[in-house]
C-alpha cells in the first residue's frame, strides 16, 4: 500500500509552480522589475502566458522573437497603449505606477532594458523597443 501525504504533495506542487515562473528574483533585479513580474503573473499571464509567448487571449508573442512590443517603438508608446487597453478586462485595474512596473518587466524580457534598470515617464521615450 502506498501512503500519500497531502501536505508533501501540496508543497511539491507549490515548489513546481514557483520554478515555472518566467522571472525569479535575483540580486541584480531592480525592485521595479520584481514588482512588475508579480503584477504580470496576477493580471497579464492568463491572456499572454507565463513566458509571454501565448496564452488564452493571444497566440502572438508579446516579447522576444516575433513580439508585438516592437510596434510601440519605445517605453512611452507601450505605456500609452496600456493606459487605454491593458489589462483588457479593465484598464483601471492597476495603477499607473504598476503599469510602469509591468513595462519594466516586459522590456527586460524583451532585452530592451537591463534587469537592474528602471523606467519612468521621464526616460520612457529614450528606451527603444527593437
Protein backbone atom coordinates (compact mmCIF):
# COMPACT_ATOMS: atom_id res chain seq x y z
CA UNK A 1 0.00 0.00 0.00
CA UNK A 2 1.32 3.46 -0.93
CA UNK A 3 0.68 6.28 1.52
CA UNK A 4 0.06 9.72 0.11
CA UNK A 5 0.82 12.71 2.32
CA UNK A 6 -1.26 15.64 1.04
CA UNK A 7 0.89 18.27 2.74
CA UNK A 8 4.02 16.99 0.99
CA UNK A 9 2.18 16.85 -2.33
CA UNK A 10 0.95 20.43 -1.84
CA UNK A 11 4.48 21.62 -1.00
CA UNK A 12 5.87 19.90 -4.11
CA UNK A 13 3.18 21.40 -6.28
CA UNK A 14 3.87 24.88 -4.88
CA UNK A 15 7.61 24.45 -5.48
CA UNK A 16 6.95 23.34 -9.07
CA UNK A 17 4.70 26.35 -9.69
CA UNK A 18 7.39 28.73 -8.42
CA UNK A 19 10.01 27.01 -10.59
CA UNK A 20 7.88 27.61 -13.68
CA UNK A 21 7.63 31.37 -13.20
CA UNK A 22 9.21 33.32 -16.05
CA UNK A 23 11.30 35.54 -13.81
CA UNK A 24 12.74 34.75 -10.44
CA UNK A 25 14.15 37.46 -8.25
CA UNK A 26 17.89 37.72 -8.23
CA UNK A 27 20.35 40.12 -6.67
CA UNK A 28 20.62 42.05 -9.96
CA UNK A 29 16.90 42.70 -10.49
CA UNK A 30 15.60 46.17 -9.77
CA UNK A 31 12.71 46.37 -7.30
CA UNK A 32 10.60 47.71 -10.19
CA UNK A 33 11.27 44.60 -12.31
CA UNK A 34 10.48 42.33 -9.35
CA UNK A 35 7.17 44.14 -8.74
CA UNK A 36 6.42 44.03 -12.48
CA UNK A 37 6.90 40.26 -12.56
CA UNK A 38 4.42 39.81 -9.70
CA UNK A 39 1.84 42.11 -11.30
CA UNK A 40 2.30 40.36 -14.66
CA UNK A 41 1.57 37.00 -13.04
CA UNK A 42 -1.57 38.38 -11.39
CA UNK A 43 -3.05 40.43 -14.22
CA UNK A 44 -1.43 39.54 -17.56
CA UNK A 45 -0.29 35.93 -17.54
CA UNK A 46 -3.69 34.36 -18.22
CA UNK A 47 -4.01 36.08 -21.59
CA UNK A 48 -0.32 36.40 -22.53
CA UNK A 49 1.14 33.25 -20.99
CA UNK A 50 3.80 32.74 -18.34
CA UNK A 51 6.50 33.05 -20.98
CA UNK A 52 4.90 35.96 -22.86
CA UNK A 53 4.58 33.80 -25.94
CA UNK A 54 0.92 32.85 -25.87
CA UNK A 55 -1.98 32.47 -23.52
CA UNK A 56 -5.75 32.19 -23.55
CA UNK A 57 -6.16 35.69 -25.01
CA UNK A 58 -3.43 35.82 -27.64
CA UNK A 59 -1.32 33.40 -29.62
CA UNK A 60 1.19 36.09 -30.63
CA UNK A 61 4.34 36.64 -28.54
CA UNK A 62 4.43 39.91 -26.63
CA UNK A 63 8.22 39.80 -26.05
CA UNK A 64 11.13 38.12 -27.76
CA UNK A 65 11.12 36.87 -31.36
CA UNK A 66 8.01 37.92 -33.27
CA UNK A 67 6.92 40.17 -30.40
CA UNK A 68 4.19 42.75 -30.57
CA UNK A 69 6.20 45.15 -28.39
CA UNK A 70 8.15 46.41 -31.41
CA UNK A 71 5.17 48.29 -32.78
CA UNK A 72 5.23 50.66 -29.79
CA UNK A 73 8.79 51.82 -30.66
CA UNK A 74 9.70 52.92 -27.11
CA UNK A 75 8.59 52.64 -23.49
CA UNK A 76 6.32 55.68 -23.71
CA UNK A 77 4.39 54.19 -26.63
CA UNK A 78 3.82 51.00 -24.67
CA UNK A 79 2.64 52.96 -21.63
CA UNK A 80 0.14 54.96 -23.73
CA UNK A 81 -1.28 51.72 -25.14
CA UNK A 82 -1.57 50.18 -21.68
CA UNK A 83 -3.32 53.27 -20.32
CA UNK A 84 -6.30 52.67 -22.59
CA UNK A 85 -6.34 48.93 -23.20
CA UNK A 86 -4.48 46.88 -20.59
CA UNK A 87 -5.44 44.94 -18.63
CA UNK A 88 -8.04 44.17 -21.25
CA UNK A 89 -10.83 43.44 -18.77
CA UNK A 90 -10.33 46.80 -17.01
CA UNK A 91 -7.50 49.26 -17.78
CA UNK A 92 -8.05 50.88 -14.38
CA UNK A 93 -7.44 47.58 -12.59
CA UNK A 94 -3.81 48.55 -11.99
CA UNK A 95 -2.35 51.96 -11.23
CA UNK A 96 -0.03 53.97 -13.47
CA UNK A 97 2.90 53.05 -11.22
CA UNK A 98 2.01 49.36 -11.55
CA UNK A 99 1.86 49.76 -15.33
CA UNK A 100 5.41 51.15 -15.29
CA UNK A 101 6.45 48.12 -13.22
CA UNK A 102 4.92 45.74 -15.77
CA UNK A 103 6.55 47.67 -18.62
CA UNK A 104 9.94 47.31 -16.91
CA UNK A 105 9.35 43.56 -16.66
CA UNK A 106 8.29 43.31 -20.32
CA UNK A 107 11.26 45.34 -21.55
CA UNK A 108 13.69 43.22 -19.53
CA UNK A 109 12.25 40.03 -21.01
CA UNK A 110 12.43 41.56 -24.49
CA UNK A 111 16.07 42.58 -23.99
CA UNK A 112 15.38 46.31 -24.35
CA UNK A 113 16.39 47.09 -20.77
CA UNK A 114 18.85 45.67 -18.23
CA UNK A 115 17.42 43.60 -15.37
CA UNK A 116 18.79 46.18 -12.95
CA UNK A 117 17.12 49.03 -14.87
CA UNK A 118 14.04 51.09 -14.22
CA UNK A 119 11.67 53.08 -16.38
CA UNK A 120 9.64 56.19 -15.63
CA UNK A 121 7.82 58.87 -17.65
CA UNK A 122 10.97 61.00 -17.88
CA UNK A 123 13.05 58.25 -19.53
CA UNK A 124 10.38 56.22 -21.30
CA UNK A 125 10.77 57.80 -24.75
CA UNK A 126 14.52 57.11 -24.71
CA UNK A 127 14.14 53.34 -24.19
CA UNK A 128 13.80 51.94 -27.69
CA UNK A 129 11.98 48.70 -28.36
CA UNK A 130 13.62 46.86 -31.27
